[in-house]
């Protein structure tokens, strides 16, 4: 609908308060690829942004969306992959009210118009949510139109960002294929995922892939310097080690106080390595995971306790994995083949525990089984 002259004057008179986004850190290859596509006006209609969690995939996807949707974007904006900060489009995006930017994630089940989805555990992206927010179709006898087929409200294209796209169920992925095969004009679909192998080969083959990697040490230092307060001393060193190049991991560690997990888990872990027992490691991990999940649900009534449990479990197992990889590297540097072999075996058993937990094995039992499996492999007292 066209605006009245008065509406246009009101918008033009509104002060532009958006701040320019901080420069992107790292990901030079991804940035160069996307900037070249933007400048040449050859951005593919379907893309997969893949790489480790927390390294800037969604941040970059949002920037790309802003540049695609903003008629005020100049060639300089495109080359720098930095959208305008004071345009009308920037204001709408900052307010989360741009009608042509569509965000799809498992957490959108909580505000769905479909009652069955609102009551669903937020562990995947079901096909009915995809129908509601993107592709349309019949849900519960009601026919939903397809947002992906609508004419852009603001006439400058529309963008669909699917976060954790590997969580699309098989039915949803198959339903998405038709749209990827025949994308509407001026429509861009970005699938953001940590593990693109969980996407159907037919989906992967229809998308342009952009790889993201852990940030280098200098970029992580600069990212930490942006925080308020700036982490210093022991906390800074611990964050750099824990994050392994992921600002998202560092941010979560600060938010959830994961340095306390380190202090709680490391002593029984070291005892287990040295052959002095360690069954209390499983118990302590279970307590930490439950505390994390309960705090998440208490802080957000829409949060899924099961999803929070899974996230916390991945964090706890990830912490163990970091310690084991550090031990493996140290053993390899010393030329200690026996210890290196033991660490490889422990890492394999850790991977197996993760798969069991993904299959909904009872949490405490899975942790206890992991500890028992490690104990069977024996121990050697070696330095960290």
Protein backbone atom coordinates (compact mmCIF):
# COMPACT_ATOMS: atom_id res chain seq x y z
CA UNK A 1 0.00 0.00 0.00
CA UNK A 2 1.39 3.42 -0.95
CA UNK A 3 2.14 5.82 1.88
CA UNK A 4 0.49 9.19 2.19
CA UNK A 5 2.65 12.30 1.92
CA UNK A 6 2.17 12.83 5.66
CA UNK A 7 3.43 9.32 6.44
CA UNK A 8 6.49 9.87 4.27
CA UNK A 9 7.20 13.20 5.96
CA UNK A 10 6.87 11.58 9.40
CA UNK A 11 9.34 8.84 8.48
CA UNK A 12 11.81 11.33 7.01
CA UNK A 13 11.54 13.47 10.13
CA UNK A 14 12.29 10.53 12.44
CA UNK A 15 15.81 10.74 13.85
CA UNK A 16 18.04 7.89 12.64
CA UNK A 17 19.36 6.28 15.81
CA UNK A 18 20.83 3.08 14.41
CA UNK A 19 24.50 2.63 15.17
CA UNK A 20 26.79 1.20 12.49
CA UNK A 21 27.55 -2.46 13.20
CA UNK A 22 30.98 -3.30 14.51
CA UNK A 23 33.36 -4.54 11.80
CA UNK A 24 33.22 -8.24 11.10
CA UNK A 25 36.17 -10.14 12.50
CA UNK A 26 37.91 -12.90 10.60
CA UNK A 27 36.14 -14.86 7.82
CA UNK A 28 38.04 -13.02 5.08
CA UNK A 29 37.28 -15.67 2.45
CA UNK A 30 33.55 -15.65 3.18
CA UNK A 31 33.42 -11.86 3.20
CA UNK A 32 35.30 -11.61 -0.10
CA UNK A 33 33.03 -14.19 -1.74
CA UNK A 34 29.84 -12.43 -0.64
CA UNK A 35 31.11 -8.94 -1.48
CA UNK A 36 32.02 -10.03 -5.00
CA UNK A 37 28.56 -11.55 -5.51
CA UNK A 38 26.86 -8.40 -4.20
CA UNK A 39 28.87 -6.01 -6.37
CA UNK A 40 28.19 -8.14 -9.44
CA UNK A 41 24.46 -8.44 -8.55
CA UNK A 42 24.83 -12.20 -8.74
CA UNK A 43 23.83 -13.31 -5.25
CA UNK A 44 22.46 -16.86 -5.65
CA UNK A 45 18.84 -17.39 -4.55
CA UNK A 46 19.85 -20.24 -2.19
CA UNK A 47 22.93 -20.40 0.02
CA UNK A 48 24.31 -22.53 2.83
CA UNK A 49 26.43 -20.79 5.47
CA UNK A 50 28.23 -23.60 7.29
CA UNK A 51 30.86 -23.86 9.99
CA UNK A 52 31.35 -24.11 13.74
CA UNK A 53 28.81 -22.62 16.11
CA UNK A 54 29.34 -19.03 17.18
CA UNK A 55 31.86 -17.89 14.55
CA UNK A 56 29.68 -15.31 12.78
CA UNK A 57 27.47 -17.20 10.33
CA UNK A 58 24.19 -15.64 11.43
CA UNK A 59 25.78 -12.21 11.95
CA UNK A 60 27.02 -12.30 8.36
CA UNK A 61 23.68 -13.63 7.08
CA UNK A 62 21.87 -10.70 8.70
CA UNK A 63 24.30 -8.24 7.12
CA UNK A 64 23.82 -9.83 3.73
CA UNK A 65 20.04 -9.67 4.19
CA UNK A 66 20.23 -5.97 5.09
CA UNK A 67 22.28 -5.21 1.99
CA UNK A 68 19.90 -7.15 -0.25
CA UNK A 69 16.84 -5.40 1.18
CA UNK A 70 18.14 -1.83 1.42
CA UNK A 71 17.84 0.34 -1.71
CA UNK A 72 20.12 2.87 0.01
CA UNK A 73 23.07 0.46 -0.07
CA UNK A 74 25.90 1.84 -2.21
CA UNK A 75 28.71 -0.06 -3.92
CA UNK A 76 30.96 0.87 -1.01
CA UNK A 77 28.47 -0.71 1.42
CA UNK A 78 28.46 -3.85 -0.71
CA UNK A 79 32.24 -4.07 -0.98
CA UNK A 80 32.66 -3.62 2.77
CA UNK A 81 29.75 -5.96 3.55
CA UNK A 82 28.48 -3.25 5.89
CA UNK A 83 24.85 -2.13 5.43
CA UNK A 84 23.75 1.50 5.80
CA UNK A 85 23.28 2.50 9.43
CA UNK A 86 20.79 5.37 9.09
CA UNK A 87 18.42 4.38 6.29
CA UNK A 88 14.74 3.65 6.72
CA UNK A 89 15.46 -0.03 6.06
CA UNK A 90 18.10 0.01 8.80
CA UNK A 91 15.53 1.41 11.23
CA UNK A 92 13.04 -1.33 10.40
CA UNK A 93 15.65 -4.06 10.69
CA UNK A 94 16.92 -2.69 14.00
CA UNK A 95 13.36 -2.71 15.33
CA UNK A 96 12.80 -6.26 14.08
CA UNK A 97 9.84 -5.09 12.00
CA UNK A 98 11.01 -5.32 8.39
CA UNK A 99 8.20 -7.21 6.62
CA UNK A 100 10.49 -8.80 4.01
CA UNK A 101 13.01 -10.37 6.39
CA UNK A 102 11.77 -13.75 7.57
CA UNK A 103 13.59 -15.54 10.40
CA UNK A 104 12.94 -19.24 10.87
CA UNK A 105 14.28 -21.25 13.80
CA UNK A 106 13.08 -23.95 16.16
CA UNK A 107 12.32 -21.32 18.82
CA UNK A 108 9.63 -19.83 16.55
CA UNK A 109 7.40 -22.73 17.57
CA UNK A 110 6.72 -20.81 20.79
CA UNK A 111 4.91 -17.97 18.98
CA UNK A 112 3.30 -20.05 16.24
CA UNK A 113 -0.36 -19.58 15.36
CA UNK A 114 -0.63 -23.39 15.33
CA UNK A 115 -1.48 -24.63 18.86
CA UNK A 116 0.25 -27.98 18.39
CA UNK A 117 3.51 -26.22 17.60
CA UNK A 118 3.32 -23.91 20.60
CA UNK A 119 3.17 -26.97 22.84
CA UNK A 120 5.97 -28.77 21.01
CA UNK A 121 9.42 -29.31 22.49
CA UNK A 122 11.80 -27.05 20.59
CA UNK A 123 14.27 -29.68 19.45
CA UNK A 124 13.85 -29.42 15.67
CA UNK A 125 12.20 -27.36 12.92
CA UNK A 126 9.01 -29.26 12.03
CA UNK A 127 7.50 -29.11 8.57
CA UNK A 128 4.37 -27.37 9.87
CA UNK A 129 6.47 -24.44 11.11
CA UNK A 130 8.14 -24.27 7.70
CA UNK A 131 4.70 -24.25 6.07
CA UNK A 132 3.53 -21.44 8.35
CA UNK A 133 6.57 -19.20 7.97
CA UNK A 134 7.66 -19.94 4.43
CA UNK A 135 6.31 -22.51 2.00
CA UNK A 136 2.58 -22.63 2.82
CA UNK A 137 0.38 -25.70 2.73
CA UNK A 138 -2.31 -27.44 4.75
CA UNK A 139 -1.96 -27.72 8.52
CA UNK A 140 -4.72 -29.24 10.65
CA UNK A 141 -7.24 -28.83 7.85
CA UNK A 142 -6.45 -25.11 7.45
CA UNK A 143 -4.80 -23.80 4.31
CA UNK A 144 -1.86 -21.46 4.89
CA UNK A 145 -0.58 -19.19 2.16
CA UNK A 146 3.12 -19.22 1.28
CA UNK A 147 5.10 -16.17 2.46
CA UNK A 148 7.85 -17.14 0.03
CA UNK A 149 5.46 -16.52 -2.89
CA UNK A 150 4.23 -13.11 -1.71
CA UNK A 151 5.23 -9.93 -3.49
CA UNK A 152 7.80 -8.09 -1.37
CA UNK A 153 5.99 -5.55 0.81
CA UNK A 154 8.65 -2.93 0.26
CA UNK A 155 9.35 -3.89 -3.32
CA UNK A 156 13.04 -4.68 -2.90
CA UNK A 157 13.08 -8.45 -2.52
CA UNK A 158 12.64 -10.73 0.48
CA UNK A 159 15.06 -12.84 2.49
CA UNK A 160 14.47 -16.05 4.49
CA UNK A 161 17.08 -16.94 7.11
CA UNK A 162 16.79 -20.49 8.46
CA UNK A 163 18.92 -20.85 11.59
CA UNK A 164 20.17 -24.31 12.58
CA UNK A 165 18.88 -25.53 9.24
CA UNK A 166 20.20 -29.02 9.94
CA UNK A 167 17.30 -29.27 12.43
CA UNK A 168 14.75 -29.26 9.60
CA UNK A 169 13.03 -32.63 9.75
CA UNK A 170 13.21 -34.88 6.70
CA UNK A 171 9.70 -33.95 5.59
CA UNK A 172 10.58 -30.27 5.84
CA UNK A 173 13.77 -30.67 3.85
CA UNK A 174 11.96 -32.53 1.09
CA UNK A 175 9.21 -29.89 1.04
CA UNK A 176 11.82 -27.14 0.78
CA UNK A 177 13.33 -28.70 -2.33
CA UNK A 178 10.62 -27.42 -4.69
CA UNK A 179 11.20 -23.85 -3.59
CA UNK A 180 14.96 -24.23 -4.04
CA UNK A 181 14.43 -25.68 -7.51
CA UNK A 182 12.14 -22.82 -8.60
CA UNK A 183 12.89 -19.85 -6.32
CA UNK A 184 10.58 -16.84 -6.72
CA UNK A 185 12.04 -13.70 -8.26
CA UNK A 186 14.02 -11.42 -5.92
CA UNK A 187 13.92 -13.99 -3.12
CA UNK A 188 16.96 -15.22 -1.23
CA UNK A 189 17.08 -18.21 1.11
CA UNK A 190 20.03 -18.65 3.48
CA UNK A 191 20.42 -21.91 5.39
CA UNK A 192 22.69 -21.41 8.41
CA UNK A 193 24.05 -24.62 9.89
CA UNK A 194 26.92 -26.10 11.86
CA UNK A 195 26.80 -29.45 10.04
CA UNK A 196 25.79 -29.27 6.39
CA UNK A 197 26.11 -33.05 6.03
CA UNK A 198 22.75 -33.30 7.83
CA UNK A 199 21.11 -31.52 4.89
CA UNK A 200 19.86 -33.68 2.05
CA UNK A 201 22.35 -34.02 -0.83
CA UNK A 202 19.65 -32.64 -3.14
CA UNK A 203 19.41 -29.51 -1.00
CA UNK A 204 23.18 -29.08 -0.82
CA UNK A 205 23.49 -29.42 -4.60
CA UNK A 206 21.06 -26.54 -5.17
CA UNK A 207 22.85 -24.05 -2.93
CA UNK A 208 25.92 -21.86 -3.06
CA UNK A 209 28.11 -22.79 -0.08
CA UNK A 210 29.97 -20.29 2.07
CA UNK A 211 32.37 -21.74 4.65
CA UNK A 212 33.08 -20.17 8.04
CA UNK A 213 35.96 -21.06 10.34
CA UNK A 214 37.11 -20.44 13.91
CA UNK A 215 38.57 -16.97 14.35
CA UNK A 216 42.33 -16.54 14.63
CA UNK A 217 43.90 -15.53 17.95
CA UNK A 218 44.24 -11.85 17.01
CA UNK A 219 40.58 -11.59 15.99
CA UNK A 220 39.49 -13.24 19.25
CA UNK A 221 41.61 -10.77 21.24
CA UNK A 222 39.94 -7.87 19.42
CA UNK A 223 36.51 -9.39 20.03
CA UNK A 224 37.19 -9.64 23.77
CA UNK A 225 38.34 -6.01 23.78
CA UNK A 226 34.84 -5.01 22.63
CA UNK A 227 33.22 -6.40 25.77
CA UNK A 228 32.18 -4.29 28.73
CA UNK A 229 33.85 -4.95 31.07
CA UNK A 230 36.85 -6.21 29.12
CA UNK A 231 37.92 -9.63 30.49
CA UNK A 232 41.41 -9.56 31.94
CA UNK A 233 43.94 -11.92 33.49
CA UNK A 234 42.88 -15.48 34.27
CA UNK A 235 39.36 -15.02 32.91
CA UNK A 236 40.64 -13.72 29.56
CA UNK A 237 43.11 -16.56 29.17
CA UNK A 238 40.47 -19.12 30.11
CA UNK A 239 37.94 -17.68 27.66
CA UNK A 240 40.44 -17.79 24.80
CA UNK A 241 41.18 -21.43 25.53
CA UNK A 242 37.55 -22.41 25.99
CA UNK A 243 36.22 -20.57 22.92
CA UNK A 244 38.65 -22.13 20.43
CA UNK A 245 38.02 -19.29 18.00
CA UNK A 246 34.25 -18.96 18.63
CA UNK A 247 33.01 -15.60 19.96
CA UNK A 248 29.61 -17.21 20.47
CA UNK A 249 31.13 -19.85 22.73
CA UNK A 250 32.97 -17.17 24.71
CA UNK A 251 29.78 -15.14 25.11
CA UNK A 252 27.86 -18.18 26.34
CA UNK A 253 30.68 -19.05 28.73
CA UNK A 254 30.48 -15.58 30.27
CA UNK A 255 26.68 -15.63 30.43
CA UNK A 256 26.47 -19.09 32.02
CA UNK A 257 29.56 -18.84 34.23
CA UNK A 258 31.18 -21.84 32.60
CA UNK A 259 34.53 -21.15 34.24
CA UNK A 260 32.87 -22.54 37.37
CA UNK A 261 32.09 -25.72 35.42
CA UNK A 262 35.79 -25.99 34.68
CA UNK A 263 36.63 -25.69 38.36
CA UNK A 264 33.99 -28.26 39.31
CA UNK A 265 34.75 -30.85 36.62
CA UNK A 266 38.51 -30.67 36.29
CA UNK A 267 39.53 -32.25 39.65
CA UNK A 268 37.48 -35.46 39.20
CA UNK A 269 38.53 -35.58 35.54
CA UNK A 270 42.21 -35.37 36.50
CA UNK A 271 41.64 -38.02 39.16
CA UNK A 272 40.10 -40.31 36.55
CA UNK A 273 43.03 -39.80 34.21
CA UNK A 274 45.45 -40.68 37.00
CA UNK A 275 43.56 -43.86 37.94
CA UNK A 276 42.20 -42.58 41.25
CA UNK A 277 38.54 -43.12 40.42
CA UNK A 278 36.20 -40.49 39.08
CA UNK A 279 32.62 -41.66 39.34
CA UNK A 280 31.75 -38.33 40.97
CA UNK A 281 32.59 -36.74 37.58
CA UNK A 282 29.39 -38.19 36.11
CA UNK A 283 27.36 -36.99 39.09
CA UNK A 284 28.83 -33.50 38.95
CA UNK A 285 28.21 -33.21 35.20
CA UNK A 286 24.59 -34.26 35.69
CA UNK A 287 24.11 -31.62 38.37
CA UNK A 288 25.63 -28.87 36.23
CA UNK A 289 23.51 -29.77 33.21
CA UNK A 290 20.31 -29.81 35.27
CA UNK A 291 21.16 -26.48 36.93
CA UNK A 292 21.82 -24.91 33.54
CA UNK A 293 18.55 -26.18 32.05
CA UNK A 294 16.49 -25.10 35.05
CA UNK A 295 18.02 -21.61 34.94
CA UNK A 296 17.26 -21.33 31.21
CA UNK A 297 13.62 -22.31 31.66
CA UNK A 298 13.24 -20.03 34.68
CA UNK A 299 14.68 -17.11 32.70
CA UNK A 300 12.51 -17.74 29.62
CA UNK A 301 9.07 -19.28 30.02
CA UNK A 302 9.10 -20.23 26.32
CA UNK A 303 12.36 -22.16 26.57
CA UNK A 304 12.35 -25.92 26.23
CA UNK A 305 13.95 -27.76 29.14
CA UNK A 306 14.84 -30.65 26.85
CA UNK A 307 16.57 -28.30 24.43
CA UNK A 308 18.41 -26.61 27.30
CA UNK A 309 19.47 -30.03 28.60
CA UNK A 310 20.88 -30.90 25.19
CA UNK A 311 22.75 -27.60 24.96
CA UNK A 312 24.23 -28.00 28.44
CA UNK A 313 25.20 -31.61 27.72
CA UNK A 314 27.04 -30.55 24.56
CA UNK A 315 28.84 -27.88 26.61
CA UNK A 316 29.91 -30.36 29.29
CA UNK A 317 31.07 -32.96 26.77
CA UNK A 318 32.74 -30.24 24.73
CA UNK A 319 34.74 -29.20 27.78
CA UNK A 320 35.92 -32.79 28.24
CA UNK A 321 36.79 -32.95 24.56
CA UNK A 322 38.96 -29.83 24.80
CA UNK A 323 40.90 -31.31 27.70
CA UNK A 324 41.40 -34.61 25.89
CA UNK A 325 42.59 -32.92 22.69
CA UNK A 326 45.06 -30.87 24.71
CA UNK A 327 46.36 -34.09 26.31
CA UNK A 328 46.59 -35.74 22.90
CA UNK A 329 48.61 -32.83 21.50
CA UNK A 330 50.94 -32.87 24.52
CA UNK A 331 51.45 -36.64 24.22
CA UNK A 332 52.21 -36.33 20.51
CA UNK A 333 54.73 -33.57 21.19
CA UNK A 334 56.47 -35.76 23.81
CA UNK A 335 56.44 -38.74 21.47
CA UNK A 336 54.40 -40.76 23.99
CA UNK A 337 52.61 -43.16 21.64
CA UNK A 338 50.92 -45.11 24.43
CA UNK A 339 49.34 -42.02 25.97
CA UNK A 340 48.38 -40.65 22.56
CA UNK A 341 46.66 -43.95 21.77
CA UNK A 342 44.79 -43.80 25.08
CA UNK A 343 43.61 -40.25 24.39
CA UNK A 344 42.39 -41.23 20.92
CA UNK A 345 40.42 -44.07 22.51
CA UNK A 346 38.93 -41.76 25.13
CA UNK A 347 37.93 -39.24 22.45
CA UNK A 348 36.26 -42.04 20.46
CA UNK A 349 34.29 -43.07 23.55
CA UNK A 350 33.31 -39.46 24.14
CA UNK A 351 31.97 -39.26 20.58
CA UNK A 352 29.96 -42.43 21.23
CA UNK A 353 28.49 -40.89 24.40
CA UNK A 354 27.41 -37.83 22.39
CA UNK A 355 25.61 -40.05 19.88
CA UNK A 356 23.88 -41.93 22.69
CA UNK A 357 22.67 -38.69 24.22
CA UNK A 358 21.38 -37.49 20.84
CA UNK A 359 19.34 -40.70 20.81
CA UNK A 360 17.74 -39.66 24.13
CA UNK A 361 19.66 -42.05 26.39
CA UNK A 362 19.07 -41.10 30.02
CA UNK A 363 21.52 -38.34 30.92
CA UNK A 364 23.00 -39.66 34.16
CA UNK A 365 23.36 -43.18 32.81
CA UNK A 366 25.19 -41.92 29.70
CA UNK A 367 27.66 -39.94 31.82
CA UNK A 368 28.22 -42.89 34.15
CA UNK A 369 28.74 -45.24 31.21
CA UNK A 370 31.29 -42.85 29.73
CA UNK A 371 33.28 -42.71 32.97
CA UNK A 372 33.17 -46.49 33.30
CA UNK A 373 34.37 -46.94 29.72
CA UNK A 374 37.28 -44.59 30.35
CA UNK A 375 38.24 -46.44 33.53
CA UNK A 376 38.42 -49.71 31.56
CA UNK A 377 41.15 -48.20 29.38
CA UNK A 378 43.44 -47.75 32.38
CA UNK A 379 45.48 -44.73 33.33
CA UNK A 380 48.96 -43.32 33.26
CA UNK A 381 49.96 -40.39 35.40
CA UNK A 382 51.22 -37.87 32.86
CA UNK A 383 51.55 -34.10 33.08
CA UNK A 384 48.82 -31.89 31.60
